[in-house]
């Protein structure tokens, strides 16, 4: 089988940030890397689950809502994939920055976390999600389109 693009990235050089993973026509997949790969610290599943709910809710209610396709966790528990359609890279960066601010400051009920709305409603950690987002705010401060390229 052909090797997929994400396995071509040198994970020993990856550091937290936001990267263009791939572009498929009008759809761009961003790699939002939140912890260093293979470093022994991974995203706690409950915190990641809550982060996903908050990220998706905020992004799908933003000015770019019609361009947002998906936000979901990586199986390796080091980040999230964010897929958008026909969105300028600078706008995607801004939306991710705004989303981190939103999640880090969020108070209240977790959107979509009831039994009828969520397939694992007991696996949530708001404090963990907030800490995860807060850790990304300084990382993404000043992030530009030039920073979206993986280090070779």
N, C-alpha and C. Protein backbone atom coordinates (compact mmCIF):
# COMPACT_ATOMS: atom_id res chain seq x y z
N UNK A 1 0.84 -1.19 0.00
CA UNK A 1 0.00 0.00 0.00
C UNK A 1 0.88 1.25 0.00
N UNK A 2 0.32 2.30 -0.57
CA UNK A 2 1.00 3.59 -0.59
C UNK A 2 1.02 4.19 0.81
N UNK A 3 2.15 4.74 1.19
CA UNK A 3 2.30 5.36 2.50
C UNK A 3 1.54 6.69 2.52
N UNK A 4 0.77 6.94 3.58
CA UNK A 4 -0.01 8.18 3.65
C UNK A 4 0.87 9.35 4.06
N UNK A 5 0.44 10.54 3.68
CA UNK A 5 1.25 11.76 3.86
C UNK A 5 1.62 12.02 5.31
N UNK A 6 0.71 11.79 6.24
CA UNK A 6 1.01 12.12 7.64
C UNK A 6 2.13 11.25 8.22
N UNK A 7 2.38 10.09 7.60
CA UNK A 7 3.47 9.24 8.07
C UNK A 7 4.81 9.67 7.48
N UNK A 8 4.76 10.62 6.56
CA UNK A 8 5.99 11.15 5.95
C UNK A 8 6.60 12.27 6.80
N UNK A 9 5.85 12.78 7.76
CA UNK A 9 6.32 13.87 8.62
C UNK A 9 7.27 13.28 9.68
N UNK A 10 8.43 13.91 9.85
CA UNK A 10 9.38 13.46 10.84
C UNK A 10 8.89 13.88 12.23
N UNK A 11 8.32 12.94 12.95
CA UNK A 11 7.74 13.24 14.26
C UNK A 11 8.79 13.57 15.31
N UNK A 12 10.06 13.23 15.06
CA UNK A 12 11.12 13.60 15.99
C UNK A 12 11.41 15.10 15.93
N UNK A 13 11.00 15.76 14.85
CA UNK A 13 11.23 17.20 14.70
C UNK A 13 9.98 18.02 14.99
N UNK A 14 8.84 17.36 15.16
CA UNK A 14 7.57 18.08 15.38
C UNK A 14 7.52 18.68 16.77
N UNK A 15 7.07 19.90 16.82
CA UNK A 15 6.84 20.54 18.11
C UNK A 15 5.45 21.15 18.10
N UNK A 16 4.92 21.48 19.26
CA UNK A 16 3.58 22.07 19.30
C UNK A 16 3.46 23.28 18.37
N UNK A 17 2.33 23.36 17.70
CA UNK A 17 2.06 24.43 16.76
C UNK A 17 0.94 24.03 15.83
N UNK A 18 0.82 24.74 14.74
CA UNK A 18 -0.22 24.49 13.74
C UNK A 18 0.46 24.38 12.38
N UNK A 19 0.14 23.30 11.67
CA UNK A 19 0.80 23.00 10.40
C UNK A 19 -0.21 22.61 9.33
N UNK A 20 0.13 22.87 8.09
CA UNK A 20 -0.69 22.39 6.98
C UNK A 20 -0.30 20.94 6.74
N UNK A 21 -1.23 20.05 7.03
CA UNK A 21 -0.98 18.63 6.86
C UNK A 21 -1.11 18.22 5.40
N UNK A 22 -2.20 18.69 4.77
CA UNK A 22 -2.42 18.38 3.36
C UNK A 22 -3.48 19.31 2.79
N UNK A 23 -3.46 19.42 1.46
CA UNK A 23 -4.46 20.20 0.73
C UNK A 23 -5.02 19.29 -0.34
N UNK A 24 -6.32 19.12 -0.31
CA UNK A 24 -7.04 18.29 -1.28
C UNK A 24 -8.09 19.16 -1.97
N UNK A 25 -7.71 19.75 -3.10
CA UNK A 25 -8.63 20.65 -3.79
C UNK A 25 -8.91 21.86 -2.93
N UNK A 26 -10.17 22.03 -2.56
CA UNK A 26 -10.56 23.19 -1.76
C UNK A 26 -10.55 22.90 -0.25
N UNK A 27 -10.12 21.70 0.13
CA UNK A 27 -10.10 21.32 1.55
C UNK A 27 -8.66 21.28 2.06
N UNK A 28 -8.44 21.98 3.17
CA UNK A 28 -7.13 21.97 3.83
C UNK A 28 -7.27 21.29 5.18
N UNK A 29 -6.34 20.38 5.44
CA UNK A 29 -6.27 19.72 6.73
C UNK A 29 -5.11 20.33 7.51
N UNK A 30 -5.42 20.87 8.68
CA UNK A 30 -4.40 21.42 9.56
C UNK A 30 -4.10 20.44 10.69
N UNK A 31 -2.85 20.35 11.02
CA UNK A 31 -2.35 19.56 12.13
C UNK A 31 -2.15 20.53 13.28
N UNK A 32 -2.98 20.43 14.29
CA UNK A 32 -2.82 21.26 15.48
C UNK A 32 -2.12 20.37 16.51
N UNK A 33 -0.81 20.50 16.55
CA UNK A 33 0.01 19.63 17.40
C UNK A 33 0.12 20.29 18.77
N UNK A 34 -0.33 19.60 19.80
CA UNK A 34 -0.45 20.20 21.12
C UNK A 34 0.60 19.73 22.12
N UNK A 35 1.19 18.58 21.89
CA UNK A 35 2.29 18.08 22.73
C UNK A 35 3.35 17.49 21.81
N UNK A 36 4.56 17.37 22.32
CA UNK A 36 5.65 16.77 21.55
C UNK A 36 5.37 15.28 21.35
N UNK A 37 5.47 14.79 20.12
CA UNK A 37 5.28 13.35 19.87
C UNK A 37 6.34 12.50 20.58
N UNK A 38 5.92 11.35 21.03
CA UNK A 38 6.81 10.34 21.61
C UNK A 38 7.62 10.85 22.79
N UNK A 39 7.10 11.84 23.50
CA UNK A 39 7.83 12.43 24.62
C UNK A 39 7.31 11.96 25.98
N UNK A 40 6.31 11.11 25.97
CA UNK A 40 5.80 10.56 27.22
C UNK A 40 4.63 11.30 27.82
N UNK A 41 4.31 12.49 27.31
CA UNK A 41 3.15 13.24 27.77
C UNK A 41 2.17 13.30 26.61
N UNK A 42 0.95 12.85 26.86
CA UNK A 42 -0.06 12.80 25.81
C UNK A 42 -1.33 13.50 26.30
N UNK A 43 -2.21 13.76 25.36
CA UNK A 43 -3.48 14.40 25.71
C UNK A 43 -4.35 13.39 26.45
N UNK A 44 -4.77 13.77 27.63
CA UNK A 44 -5.67 12.93 28.41
C UNK A 44 -6.98 12.78 27.63
N UNK A 45 -7.48 11.56 27.46
CA UNK A 45 -8.69 11.36 26.65
C UNK A 45 -9.90 12.18 27.11
N UNK A 46 -10.11 12.31 28.41
CA UNK A 46 -11.26 13.08 28.89
C UNK A 46 -11.10 14.57 28.57
N UNK A 47 -9.90 15.10 28.75
CA UNK A 47 -9.64 16.50 28.42
C UNK A 47 -9.75 16.73 26.92
N UNK A 48 -9.21 15.81 26.14
CA UNK A 48 -9.29 15.91 24.68
C UNK A 48 -10.72 15.85 24.18
N UNK A 49 -11.53 15.02 24.80
CA UNK A 49 -12.94 14.90 24.42
C UNK A 49 -13.67 16.22 24.66
N UNK A 50 -13.45 16.80 25.82
CA UNK A 50 -14.09 18.08 26.13
C UNK A 50 -13.56 19.17 25.21
N UNK A 51 -12.24 19.18 24.98
CA UNK A 51 -11.66 20.14 24.06
C UNK A 51 -12.32 20.03 22.69
N UNK A 52 -12.52 18.82 22.21
CA UNK A 52 -13.16 18.61 20.91
C UNK A 52 -14.57 19.20 20.89
N UNK A 53 -15.36 18.96 21.93
CA UNK A 53 -16.71 19.51 21.98
C UNK A 53 -16.69 21.04 21.95
N UNK A 54 -15.80 21.63 22.71
CA UNK A 54 -15.73 23.10 22.77
C UNK A 54 -15.18 23.68 21.48
N UNK A 55 -14.14 23.05 20.91
CA UNK A 55 -13.57 23.53 19.65
C UNK A 55 -14.63 23.49 18.56
N UNK A 56 -15.29 22.35 18.41
CA UNK A 56 -16.29 22.21 17.35
C UNK A 56 -17.43 23.20 17.53
N UNK A 57 -17.90 23.38 18.75
CA UNK A 57 -19.00 24.31 19.01
C UNK A 57 -18.60 25.74 18.66
N UNK A 58 -17.41 26.16 19.12
CA UNK A 58 -16.97 27.52 18.85
C UNK A 58 -16.75 27.74 17.35
N UNK A 59 -16.00 26.84 16.72
CA UNK A 59 -15.67 27.01 15.30
C UNK A 59 -16.92 27.02 14.43
N UNK A 60 -17.89 26.18 14.78
CA UNK A 60 -19.11 26.08 13.97
C UNK A 60 -20.12 27.19 14.28
N UNK A 61 -19.74 28.05 15.21
CA UNK A 61 -20.55 29.24 15.50
C UNK A 61 -19.80 30.52 15.19
N UNK A 62 -18.64 30.39 14.58
CA UNK A 62 -17.80 31.55 14.26
C UNK A 62 -18.21 32.17 12.93
N UNK A 63 -17.55 33.26 12.59
CA UNK A 63 -17.79 33.91 11.30
C UNK A 63 -17.41 32.99 10.13
N UNK A 64 -16.59 31.98 10.39
CA UNK A 64 -16.15 31.04 9.35
C UNK A 64 -16.90 29.71 9.42
N UNK A 65 -18.03 29.67 10.09
CA UNK A 65 -18.76 28.42 10.32
C UNK A 65 -19.01 27.63 9.03
N UNK A 66 -19.33 28.32 7.95
CA UNK A 66 -19.65 27.62 6.70
C UNK A 66 -18.41 27.01 6.04
N UNK A 67 -17.22 27.31 6.54
CA UNK A 67 -15.98 26.78 6.00
C UNK A 67 -15.40 25.64 6.83
N UNK A 68 -15.95 25.43 8.02
CA UNK A 68 -15.46 24.40 8.94
C UNK A 68 -16.07 23.05 8.57
N UNK A 69 -15.20 22.07 8.37
CA UNK A 69 -15.66 20.73 8.05
C UNK A 69 -15.58 19.81 9.26
N UNK A 70 -14.44 19.82 9.95
CA UNK A 70 -14.24 18.84 11.01
C UNK A 70 -13.11 19.25 11.92
N UNK A 71 -13.22 18.91 13.18
CA UNK A 71 -12.12 18.98 14.14
C UNK A 71 -12.19 17.72 14.97
N UNK A 72 -11.10 16.97 14.97
CA UNK A 72 -11.11 15.74 15.74
C UNK A 72 -9.72 15.34 16.20
N UNK A 73 -9.67 14.53 17.24
CA UNK A 73 -8.40 14.16 17.84
C UNK A 73 -7.60 13.17 16.99
N UNK A 74 -6.28 13.28 17.10
CA UNK A 74 -5.39 12.30 16.48
C UNK A 74 -5.37 11.06 17.36
N UNK A 75 -5.28 9.93 16.74
CA UNK A 75 -5.21 8.68 17.50
C UNK A 75 -3.99 8.60 18.40
N UNK A 76 -2.91 9.28 18.03
CA UNK A 76 -1.68 9.25 18.84
C UNK A 76 -1.77 10.12 20.08
N UNK A 77 -2.85 10.85 20.24
CA UNK A 77 -3.11 11.70 21.40
C UNK A 77 -2.07 12.82 21.57
N UNK A 78 -1.62 13.37 20.42
CA UNK A 78 -0.69 14.49 20.49
C UNK A 78 -1.28 15.76 19.88
N UNK A 79 -2.48 15.68 19.35
CA UNK A 79 -3.08 16.87 18.75
C UNK A 79 -4.41 16.58 18.10
N UNK A 80 -4.81 17.52 17.25
CA UNK A 80 -6.10 17.46 16.57
C UNK A 80 -5.93 17.78 15.10
N UNK A 81 -6.80 17.24 14.29
CA UNK A 81 -6.88 17.64 12.90
C UNK A 81 -8.04 18.61 12.76
N UNK A 82 -7.83 19.65 11.95
CA UNK A 82 -8.84 20.67 11.71
C UNK A 82 -8.97 20.81 10.20
N UNK A 83 -10.14 20.49 9.67
CA UNK A 83 -10.38 20.54 8.23
C UNK A 83 -11.31 21.69 7.89
N UNK A 84 -10.89 22.46 6.87
CA UNK A 84 -11.67 23.60 6.43
C UNK A 84 -11.76 23.60 4.90
N UNK A 85 -12.73 24.32 4.38
CA UNK A 85 -12.92 24.43 2.93
C UNK A 85 -12.84 25.89 2.52
N UNK A 86 -12.04 26.15 1.46
CA UNK A 86 -11.95 27.51 0.89
C UNK A 86 -11.69 28.58 1.95
N UNK A 87 -10.76 28.33 2.83
CA UNK A 87 -10.46 29.27 3.91
C UNK A 87 -9.00 29.71 3.78
N UNK A 88 -8.77 30.99 3.87
CA UNK A 88 -7.42 31.52 3.80
C UNK A 88 -6.62 31.04 5.02
N UNK A 89 -5.35 30.68 4.84
CA UNK A 89 -4.55 30.22 5.97
C UNK A 89 -4.51 31.20 7.14
N UNK A 90 -4.41 32.48 6.86
CA UNK A 90 -4.38 33.48 7.94
C UNK A 90 -5.68 33.45 8.75
N UNK A 91 -6.80 33.22 8.07
CA UNK A 91 -8.08 33.12 8.77
C UNK A 91 -8.16 31.85 9.61
N UNK A 92 -7.62 30.75 9.09
CA UNK A 92 -7.60 29.49 9.85
C UNK A 92 -6.76 29.66 11.12
N UNK A 93 -5.62 30.30 11.00
CA UNK A 93 -4.78 30.56 12.17
C UNK A 93 -5.54 31.41 13.18
N UNK A 94 -6.18 32.48 12.71
CA UNK A 94 -6.94 33.36 13.60
C UNK A 94 -8.07 32.59 14.30
N UNK A 95 -8.76 31.76 13.56
CA UNK A 95 -9.85 30.99 14.16
C UNK A 95 -9.32 30.04 15.22
N UNK A 96 -8.22 29.37 14.96
CA UNK A 96 -7.65 28.46 15.95
C UNK A 96 -7.18 29.25 17.18
N UNK A 97 -6.57 30.40 16.98
CA UNK A 97 -6.16 31.24 18.12
C UNK A 97 -7.38 31.66 18.94
N UNK A 98 -8.43 32.10 18.27
CA UNK A 98 -9.65 32.52 18.98
C UNK A 98 -10.28 31.34 19.72
N UNK A 99 -10.22 30.17 19.10
CA UNK A 99 -10.79 28.98 19.72
C UNK A 99 -10.02 28.62 20.99
N UNK A 100 -8.71 28.71 20.95
CA UNK A 100 -7.90 28.42 22.15
C UNK A 100 -8.26 29.40 23.26
N UNK A 101 -8.41 30.67 22.92
CA UNK A 101 -8.82 31.66 23.92
C UNK A 101 -10.17 31.30 24.52
N UNK A 102 -11.12 30.93 23.65
CA UNK A 102 -12.46 30.57 24.09
C UNK A 102 -12.43 29.38 25.04
N UNK A 103 -11.75 28.31 24.63
CA UNK A 103 -11.72 27.10 25.45
C UNK A 103 -11.01 27.37 26.78
N UNK A 104 -9.91 28.08 26.74
CA UNK A 104 -9.15 28.36 27.97
C UNK A 104 -9.97 29.13 28.99
N UNK A 105 -10.88 29.96 28.53
CA UNK A 105 -11.69 30.80 29.43
C UNK A 105 -13.08 30.24 29.69
N UNK A 106 -13.43 29.12 29.08
CA UNK A 106 -14.80 28.62 29.12
C UNK A 106 -15.25 28.26 30.54
N UNK A 107 -16.46 28.67 30.85
CA UNK A 107 -17.13 28.30 32.10
C UNK A 107 -18.53 27.83 31.73
N UNK A 108 -19.02 26.86 32.43
CA UNK A 108 -20.39 26.44 32.19
C UNK A 108 -20.47 24.99 31.76
N UNK A 109 -21.66 24.63 31.31
CA UNK A 109 -21.91 23.25 30.87
C UNK A 109 -21.17 22.98 29.57
N UNK A 110 -20.67 21.78 29.43
CA UNK A 110 -19.98 21.38 28.21
C UNK A 110 -21.03 21.15 27.13
N UNK A 111 -20.93 21.84 26.00
CA UNK A 111 -21.93 21.65 24.94
C UNK A 111 -21.93 20.21 24.42
N UNK A 112 -23.11 19.69 24.23
CA UNK A 112 -23.25 18.37 23.64
C UNK A 112 -22.77 17.23 24.51
N UNK A 113 -22.77 17.40 25.81
CA UNK A 113 -22.21 16.38 26.70
C UNK A 113 -23.26 15.56 27.43
N UNK A 114 -24.51 15.71 27.07
CA UNK A 114 -25.54 14.89 27.73
C UNK A 114 -25.58 13.50 27.09
N UNK A 115 -26.22 12.60 27.75
CA UNK A 115 -26.32 11.21 27.28
C UNK A 115 -26.94 11.11 25.89
N UNK A 116 -27.94 11.92 25.60
CA UNK A 116 -28.60 11.84 24.29
C UNK A 116 -27.78 12.51 23.19
N UNK A 117 -26.82 13.35 23.56
CA UNK A 117 -26.01 14.08 22.57
C UNK A 117 -24.63 13.46 22.32
N UNK A 118 -24.14 12.65 23.24
CA UNK A 118 -22.75 12.22 23.22
C UNK A 118 -22.64 10.72 23.47
N UNK A 119 -21.77 10.07 22.74
CA UNK A 119 -21.60 8.63 22.86
C UNK A 119 -20.75 8.18 24.03
N UNK A 120 -20.11 9.12 24.73
CA UNK A 120 -19.32 8.79 25.92
C UNK A 120 -19.42 9.98 26.88
N UNK A 121 -20.63 10.24 27.31
CA UNK A 121 -20.93 11.47 28.06
C UNK A 121 -20.24 11.57 29.41
N UNK A 122 -19.74 10.47 29.94
CA UNK A 122 -19.05 10.53 31.24
C UNK A 122 -17.56 10.81 31.11
N UNK A 123 -17.04 10.77 29.87
CA UNK A 123 -15.60 10.99 29.65
C UNK A 123 -15.37 12.46 29.28
N UNK A 124 -15.40 13.32 30.27
CA UNK A 124 -15.17 14.75 30.06
C UNK A 124 -14.34 15.32 31.19
N UNK A 125 -13.53 16.33 30.86
CA UNK A 125 -12.68 17.00 31.84
C UNK A 125 -12.52 18.45 31.39
N UNK A 126 -13.38 19.32 31.90
CA UNK A 126 -13.35 20.73 31.51
C UNK A 126 -12.05 21.39 31.95
N UNK A 127 -11.62 21.16 33.17
CA UNK A 127 -10.37 21.78 33.64
C UNK A 127 -9.19 21.35 32.77
N UNK A 128 -9.17 20.08 32.39
CA UNK A 128 -8.09 19.58 31.54
C UNK A 128 -8.13 20.20 30.15
N UNK A 129 -9.33 20.35 29.60
CA UNK A 129 -9.48 20.97 28.27
C UNK A 129 -9.03 22.42 28.32
N UNK A 130 -9.39 23.12 29.37
CA UNK A 130 -8.99 24.52 29.52
C UNK A 130 -7.47 24.64 29.62
N UNK A 131 -6.85 23.75 30.38
CA UNK A 131 -5.38 23.77 30.52
C UNK A 131 -4.71 23.46 29.19
N UNK A 132 -5.26 22.52 28.45
CA UNK A 132 -4.71 22.17 27.14
C UNK A 132 -4.75 23.37 26.20
N UNK A 133 -5.89 24.04 26.14
CA UNK A 133 -6.02 25.23 25.29
C UNK A 133 -5.10 26.34 25.77
N UNK A 134 -5.03 26.54 27.08
CA UNK A 134 -4.18 27.60 27.63
C UNK A 134 -2.71 27.36 27.28
N UNK A 135 -2.32 26.10 27.21
CA UNK A 135 -0.92 25.80 26.87
C UNK A 135 -0.60 26.17 25.43
N UNK A 136 -1.61 26.23 24.57
CA UNK A 136 -1.40 26.54 23.16
C UNK A 136 -1.42 28.04 22.86
N UNK A 137 -1.97 28.84 23.75
CA UNK A 137 -2.06 30.28 23.49
C UNK A 137 -0.69 30.90 23.26
N UNK A 138 0.30 30.68 24.13
CA UNK A 138 1.62 31.27 23.86
C UNK A 138 2.31 30.64 22.65
N UNK A 139 2.04 29.38 22.39
CA UNK A 139 2.65 28.70 21.24
C UNK A 139 2.19 29.35 19.94
N UNK A 140 0.90 29.65 19.84
CA UNK A 140 0.33 30.18 18.60
C UNK A 140 0.36 31.70 18.51
N UNK A 141 0.79 32.37 19.56
CA UNK A 141 0.88 33.83 19.52
C UNK A 141 1.89 34.22 18.43
N UNK A 142 1.48 35.04 17.51
CA UNK A 142 2.35 35.48 16.44
C UNK A 142 2.54 34.46 15.32
N UNK A 143 1.78 33.38 15.33
CA UNK A 143 1.89 32.34 14.29
C UNK A 143 1.50 32.93 12.95
N UNK A 144 2.24 32.62 11.92
CA UNK A 144 1.98 33.15 10.58
C UNK A 144 1.89 32.01 9.58
N UNK A 145 1.53 32.35 8.36
CA UNK A 145 1.46 31.35 7.29
C UNK A 145 2.80 30.64 7.11
N UNK A 146 3.90 31.35 7.29
CA UNK A 146 5.23 30.75 7.15
C UNK A 146 5.45 29.65 8.18
N UNK A 147 4.81 29.77 9.35
CA UNK A 147 4.96 28.77 10.41
C UNK A 147 4.16 27.50 10.13
N UNK A 148 3.28 27.53 9.14
CA UNK A 148 2.41 26.38 8.85
C UNK A 148 3.16 25.22 8.18
N UNK A 149 4.40 25.43 7.81
CA UNK A 149 5.17 24.42 7.08
C UNK A 149 5.93 23.54 8.09
N UNK A 150 5.81 22.20 7.89
CA UNK A 150 6.55 21.27 8.74
C UNK A 150 8.05 21.47 8.58
N UNK A 151 8.78 21.35 9.67
CA UNK A 151 10.24 21.39 9.60
C UNK A 151 10.73 20.10 8.94
N UNK A 152 11.67 20.24 8.04
CA UNK A 152 12.20 19.06 7.32
C UNK A 152 13.32 18.41 8.10
